[in-house]
């Protein structure tokens, strides 16, 4: 049975798990304090937070929350990135930081109650952000509206051209 401090930590982790959409797990071995600070700042800018908990406490919190325990990922030093609003943005920050710094590696994670491996997290990171998707949808809607307007205005224009051609032929006849 965990001591009182650990029980409080497990309760805190459970609250964070309930309030987030995704949790990404990274191995931060070999990063300097400055690099970790930069990573935390970038993650915070993406609307997420990075915390370090003992793997056993995370395992307890996950099992008590009836979520996948991800035992294969909870080995060695682990940092947990809790993504509140946009899981893809947080994953993108981690992926970009890992590209620039070989000491950070993505272990995997969990989103909406399902466990993901490192390759799946990287695939999520390659998805466009919400803003980019909204821009693409707006562009598609605008294109459809523009095409519809052109088609609708083409009917009267065609009628006017036909009438003007008929009018030009009448005086000649």
C-alpha atoms as a PDB file:
ATOM      1  CA  UNK A   1       0.000   0.000   0.000  1.00  0.00           C
ATOM      2  CA  UNK A   2       1.484   3.385  -0.991  1.00  0.00           C
ATOM      3  CA  UNK A   3       2.203   5.915   1.706  1.00  0.00           C
ATOM      4  CA  UNK A   4       0.082   9.056   2.155  1.00  0.00           C
ATOM      5  CA  UNK A   5       2.277  11.221  -0.091  1.00  0.00           C
ATOM      6  CA  UNK A   6       2.137   8.659  -2.885  1.00  0.00           C
ATOM      7  CA  UNK A   7      -1.633   8.291  -2.461  1.00  0.00           C
ATOM      8  CA  UNK A   8      -1.963  12.065  -2.892  1.00  0.00           C
ATOM      9  CA  UNK A   9       0.232  11.918  -5.991  1.00  0.00           C
ATOM     10  CA  UNK A  10      -1.879   9.097  -7.451  1.00  0.00           C
ATOM     11  CA  UNK A  11      -5.040  11.143  -6.797  1.00  0.00           C
ATOM     12  CA  UNK A  12      -3.424  14.149  -8.538  1.00  0.00           C
ATOM     13  CA  UNK A  13      -2.450  12.016 -11.545  1.00  0.00           C
ATOM     14  CA  UNK A  14      -5.992  10.638 -11.755  1.00  0.00           C
ATOM     15  CA  UNK A  15      -7.380  14.208 -11.824  1.00  0.00           C
ATOM     16  CA  UNK A  16      -4.958  15.145 -14.608  1.00  0.00           C
ATOM     17  CA  UNK A  17      -5.885  12.014 -16.570  1.00  0.00           C
ATOM     18  CA  UNK A  18      -9.576  12.859 -16.289  1.00  0.00           C
ATOM     19  CA  UNK A  19      -9.007  16.449 -17.457  1.00  0.00           C
ATOM     20  CA  UNK A  20      -6.839  15.696 -20.505  1.00  0.00           C
ATOM     21  CA  UNK A  21      -7.517  14.300 -23.952  1.00  0.00           C
ATOM     22  CA  UNK A  22      -4.150  12.594 -24.361  1.00  0.00           C
ATOM     23  CA  UNK A  23      -0.992  11.624 -22.489  1.00  0.00           C
ATOM     24  CA  UNK A  24       2.254  11.211 -24.430  1.00  0.00           C
ATOM     25  CA  UNK A  25       5.172   9.415 -22.781  1.00  0.00           C
ATOM     26  CA  UNK A  26       8.754  10.389 -23.578  1.00  0.00           C
ATOM     27  CA  UNK A  27      12.199   9.268 -22.439  1.00  0.00           C
ATOM     28  CA  UNK A  28      14.197  12.353 -21.518  1.00  0.00           C
ATOM     29  CA  UNK A  29      17.469  10.634 -20.535  1.00  0.00           C
ATOM     30  CA  UNK A  30      20.492  12.694 -21.529  1.00  0.00           C
ATOM     31  CA  UNK A  31      18.722  16.058 -21.849  1.00  0.00           C
ATOM     32  CA  UNK A  32      20.318  18.989 -20.060  1.00  0.00           C
ATOM     33  CA  UNK A  33      18.323  21.164 -17.690  1.00  0.00           C
ATOM     34  CA  UNK A  34      18.290  23.927 -20.292  1.00  0.00           C
ATOM     35  CA  UNK A  35      16.946  21.551 -22.956  1.00  0.00           C
ATOM     36  CA  UNK A  36      14.241  20.288 -20.600  1.00  0.00           C
ATOM     37  CA  UNK A  37      13.230  23.870 -19.821  1.00  0.00           C
ATOM     38  CA  UNK A  38      13.006  24.633 -23.541  1.00  0.00           C
ATOM     39  CA  UNK A  39      10.943  21.481 -24.128  1.00  0.00           C
ATOM     40  CA  UNK A  40       8.571  22.359 -21.277  1.00  0.00           C
ATOM     41  CA  UNK A  41       8.159  25.896 -22.646  1.00  0.00           C
ATOM     42  CA  UNK A  42       7.371  24.602 -26.135  1.00  0.00           C
ATOM     43  CA  UNK A  43       4.895  22.081 -24.733  1.00  0.00           C
ATOM     44  CA  UNK A  44       3.229  24.788 -22.625  1.00  0.00           C
ATOM     45  CA  UNK A  45       2.915  26.992 -25.733  1.00  0.00           C
ATOM     46  CA  UNK A  46       1.082  24.093 -27.416  1.00  0.00           C
ATOM     47  CA  UNK A  47      -1.502  23.999 -24.604  1.00  0.00           C
ATOM     48  CA  UNK A  48      -0.072  20.998 -22.751  1.00  0.00           C
ATOM     49  CA  UNK A  49       2.080  20.332 -19.706  1.00  0.00           C
ATOM     50  CA  UNK A  50       4.964  17.972 -18.991  1.00  0.00           C
ATOM     51  CA  UNK A  51       5.294  16.247 -15.621  1.00  0.00           C
ATOM     52  CA  UNK A  52       7.610  13.589 -14.258  1.00  0.00           C
ATOM     53  CA  UNK A  53       6.058  10.921 -12.032  1.00  0.00           C
ATOM     54  CA  UNK A  54       7.248   7.546 -10.859  1.00  0.00           C
ATOM     55  CA  UNK A  55       6.203   4.844 -13.286  1.00  0.00           C
ATOM     56  CA  UNK A  56       4.635   2.793 -10.484  1.00  0.00           C
ATOM     57  CA  UNK A  57       2.446   5.724  -9.420  1.00  0.00           C
ATOM     58  CA  UNK A  58       1.359   6.312 -13.022  1.00  0.00           C
ATOM     59  CA  UNK A  59       0.570   2.598 -13.328  1.00  0.00           C
ATOM     60  CA  UNK A  60      -1.583   2.779 -10.180  1.00  0.00           C
ATOM     61  CA  UNK A  61      -3.408   5.889 -11.404  1.00  0.00           C
ATOM     62  CA  UNK A  62      -4.071   4.343 -14.814  1.00  0.00           C
ATOM     63  CA  UNK A  63      -5.372   1.081 -13.360  1.00  0.00           C
ATOM     64  CA  UNK A  64      -7.570   2.898 -10.800  1.00  0.00           C
ATOM     65  CA  UNK A  65      -8.949   5.065 -13.631  1.00  0.00           C
ATOM     66  CA  UNK A  66      -9.691   1.895 -15.632  1.00  0.00           C
ATOM     67  CA  UNK A  67      -7.410   3.020 -18.470  1.00  0.00           C
ATOM     68  CA  UNK A  68      -4.767   0.986 -20.325  1.00  0.00           C
ATOM     69  CA  UNK A  69      -1.792   0.608 -17.973  1.00  0.00           C
ATOM     70  CA  UNK A  70       0.833   0.767 -20.745  1.00  0.00           C
ATOM     71  CA  UNK A  71       3.269  -1.363 -18.708  1.00  0.00           C
ATOM     72  CA  UNK A  72       5.587  -1.798 -21.702  1.00  0.00           C
ATOM     73  CA  UNK A  73       5.993   1.995 -21.936  1.00  0.00           C
ATOM     74  CA  UNK A  74       6.446   2.597 -18.207  1.00  0.00           C
ATOM     75  CA  UNK A  75      10.056   1.481 -18.029  1.00  0.00           C
ATOM     76  CA  UNK A  76      13.055   3.682 -17.375  1.00  0.00           C
ATOM     77  CA  UNK A  77      12.881   7.448 -16.951  1.00  0.00           C
ATOM     78  CA  UNK A  78       9.550   8.741 -18.219  1.00  0.00           C
ATOM     79  CA  UNK A  79       8.067  12.181 -18.595  1.00  0.00           C
ATOM     80  CA  UNK A  80       4.355  12.533 -19.220  1.00  0.00           C
ATOM     81  CA  UNK A  81       2.932  15.188 -21.526  1.00  0.00           C
ATOM     82  CA  UNK A  82      -0.696  15.913 -20.674  1.00  0.00           C
ATOM     83  CA  UNK A  83      -2.410  17.439 -23.731  1.00  0.00           C
ATOM     84  CA  UNK A  84      -5.521  19.372 -22.770  1.00  0.00           C
ATOM     85  CA  UNK A  85      -6.917  20.932 -25.923  1.00  0.00           C
ATOM     86  CA  UNK A  86      -5.006  19.787 -29.012  1.00  0.00           C
ATOM     87  CA  UNK A  87      -3.232  16.422 -28.669  1.00  0.00           C
ATOM     88  CA  UNK A  88      -1.777  16.669 -32.185  1.00  0.00           C
ATOM     89  CA  UNK A  89      -0.104  20.000 -31.393  1.00  0.00           C
ATOM     90  CA  UNK A  90       1.581  18.581 -28.286  1.00  0.00           C
ATOM     91  CA  UNK A  91       2.684  15.484 -30.212  1.00  0.00           C
ATOM     92  CA  UNK A  92       4.039  17.736 -32.973  1.00  0.00           C
ATOM     93  CA  UNK A  93       6.142  19.699 -30.447  1.00  0.00           C
ATOM     94  CA  UNK A  94       7.569  16.469 -29.030  1.00  0.00           C
ATOM     95  CA  UNK A  95       8.299  15.060 -32.496  1.00  0.00           C
ATOM     96  CA  UNK A  96      10.026  18.257 -33.661  1.00  0.00           C
ATOM     97  CA  UNK A  97      12.079  18.473 -30.461  1.00  0.00           C
ATOM     98  CA  UNK A  98      13.084  14.803 -30.801  1.00  0.00           C
ATOM     99  CA  UNK A  99      14.221  15.465 -34.388  1.00  0.00           C
ATOM    100  CA  UNK A 100      16.458  18.285 -33.206  1.00  0.00           C
ATOM    101  CA  UNK A 101      17.678  16.448 -30.107  1.00  0.00           C
ATOM    102  CA  UNK A 102      18.498  12.745 -30.260  1.00  0.00           C
ATOM    103  CA  UNK A 103      18.359  12.371 -26.457  1.00  0.00           C
ATOM    104  CA  UNK A 104      14.564  12.716 -26.416  1.00  0.00           C
ATOM    105  CA  UNK A 105      12.626   9.701 -27.611  1.00  0.00           C
ATOM    106  CA  UNK A 106       8.906   9.123 -27.870  1.00  0.00           C
ATOM    107  CA  UNK A 107       7.797   5.957 -26.089  1.00  0.00           C
ATOM    108  CA  UNK A 108       4.100   6.122 -26.903  1.00  0.00           C
ATOM    109  CA  UNK A 109       1.011   7.352 -25.176  1.00  0.00           C
ATOM    110  CA  UNK A 110      -2.714   7.239 -24.753  1.00  0.00           C
ATOM    111  CA  UNK A 111      -5.560   9.203 -26.301  1.00  0.00           C
ATOM    112  CA  UNK A 112      -9.264   8.841 -25.573  1.00  0.00           C
ATOM    113  CA  UNK A 113      -8.669   5.688 -23.537  1.00  0.00           C
ATOM    114  CA  UNK A 114      -6.604   3.832 -26.146  1.00  0.00           C
ATOM    115  CA  UNK A 115      -2.884   3.120 -25.956  1.00  0.00           C
ATOM    116  CA  UNK A 116      -0.602   4.125 -28.839  1.00  0.00           C
ATOM    117  CA  UNK A 117       2.959   3.151 -29.656  1.00  0.00           C
ATOM    118  CA  UNK A 118       5.701   5.577 -30.724  1.00  0.00           C
ATOM    119  CA  UNK A 119       4.978   5.222 -34.452  1.00  0.00           C
ATOM    120  CA  UNK A 120       1.300   6.022 -33.919  1.00  0.00           C
ATOM    121  CA  UNK A 121       2.163   9.088 -31.824  1.00  0.00           C
ATOM    122  CA  UNK A 122       4.452  10.297 -34.621  1.00  0.00           C
ATOM    123  CA  UNK A 123       1.618   9.737 -37.118  1.00  0.00           C
ATOM    124  CA  UNK A 124      -0.681  11.848 -34.938  1.00  0.00           C
ATOM    125  CA  UNK A 125       2.030  14.508 -34.805  1.00  0.00           C
ATOM    126  CA  UNK A 126       2.083  14.681 -38.604  1.00  0.00           C
ATOM    127  CA  UNK A 127      -1.639  15.543 -38.728  1.00  0.00           C
ATOM    128  CA  UNK A 128      -2.485  19.186 -39.421  1.00  0.00           C
ATOM    129  CA  UNK A 129      -3.508  21.343 -36.464  1.00  0.00           C
ATOM    130  CA  UNK A 130      -7.105  22.370 -35.808  1.00  0.00           C
ATOM    131  CA  UNK A 131      -6.446  25.803 -37.296  1.00  0.00           C
ATOM    132  CA  UNK A 132      -4.974  24.302 -40.467  1.00  0.00           C
ATOM    133  CA  UNK A 133      -7.923  21.917 -40.827  1.00  0.00           C
ATOM    134  CA  UNK A 134     -10.397  24.752 -40.306  1.00  0.00           C
ATOM    135  CA  UNK A 135      -8.582  26.782 -42.966  1.00  0.00           C
ATOM    136  CA  UNK A 136      -8.745  23.873 -45.404  1.00  0.00           C
ATOM    137  CA  UNK A 137     -12.475  23.417 -44.770  1.00  0.00           C
ATOM    138  CA  UNK A 138     -13.075  27.149 -45.191  1.00  0.00           C
ATOM    139  CA  UNK A 139     -11.134  27.075 -48.477  1.00  0.00           C
ATOM    140  CA  UNK A 140     -13.195  24.145 -49.744  1.00  0.00           C
ATOM    141  CA  UNK A 141     -16.460  25.867 -48.791  1.00  0.00           C
ATOM    142  CA  UNK A 142     -15.282  29.072 -50.458  1.00  0.00           C
ATOM    143  CA  UNK A 143     -14.382  27.173 -53.642  1.00  0.00           C
ATOM    144  CA  UNK A 144     -17.788  25.502 -53.767  1.00  0.00           C
ATOM    145  CA  UNK A 145     -19.548  28.823 -53.165  1.00  0.00           C
ATOM    146  CA  UNK A 146     -17.459  30.535 -55.862  1.00  0.00           C
ATOM    147  CA  UNK A 147     -18.251  27.760 -58.357  1.00  0.00           C
ATOM    148  CA  UNK A 148     -21.950  27.949 -57.529  1.00  0.00           C
ATOM    149  CA  UNK A 149     -21.970  31.726 -57.942  1.00  0.00           C
ATOM    150  CA  UNK A 150     -20.199  31.444 -61.300  1.00  0.00           C
ATOM    151  CA  UNK A 151     -22.668  28.814 -62.481  1.00  0.00           C
ATOM    152  CA  UNK A 152     -25.686  30.790 -61.343  1.00  0.00           C
ATOM    153  CA  UNK A 153     -24.461  34.028 -62.923  1.00  0.00           C
ATOM    154  CA  UNK A 154     -23.627  32.156 -66.130  1.00  0.00           C
ATOM    155  CA  UNK A 155     -27.292  31.442 -66.940  1.00  0.00           C
ATOM    156  CA  UNK A 156     -28.430  35.101 -67.180  1.00  0.00           C
ATOM    157  CA  UNK A 157     -25.174  36.048 -68.926  1.00  0.00           C
ATOM    158  CA  UNK A 158     -25.744  33.329 -71.521  1.00  0.00           C
ATOM    159  CA  UNK A 159     -29.351  34.449 -71.978  1.00  0.00           C
ATOM    160  CA  UNK A 160     -28.268  38.069 -72.426  1.00  0.00           C
ATOM    161  CA  UNK A 161     -25.656  37.076 -75.022  1.00  0.00           C
ATOM    162  CA  UNK A 162     -28.192  34.977 -76.918  1.00  0.00           C
ATOM    163  CA  UNK A 163     -30.694  37.863 -76.929  1.00  0.00           C
ATOM    164  CA  UNK A 164     -28.062  40.332 -78.142  1.00  0.00           C
ATOM    165  CA  UNK A 165     -27.084  37.994 -80.985  1.00  0.00           C
ATOM    166  CA  UNK A 166     -30.759  37.606 -81.961  1.00  0.00           C
ATOM    167  CA  UNK A 167     -31.160  41.392 -81.828  1.00  0.00           C
ATOM    168  CA  UNK A 168     -28.146  41.857 -84.117  1.00  0.00           C
ATOM    169  CA  UNK A 169     -29.527  39.372 -86.623  1.00  0.00           C
ATOM    170  CA  UNK A 170     -33.056  40.889 -86.726  1.00  0.00           C
ATOM    171  CA  UNK A 171     -32.081  44.284 -88.244  1.00  0.00           C
ATOM    172  CA  UNK A 172     -29.922  42.543 -90.830  1.00  0.00           C
ATOM    173  CA  UNK A 173     -32.822  40.401 -91.986  1.00  0.00           C
END
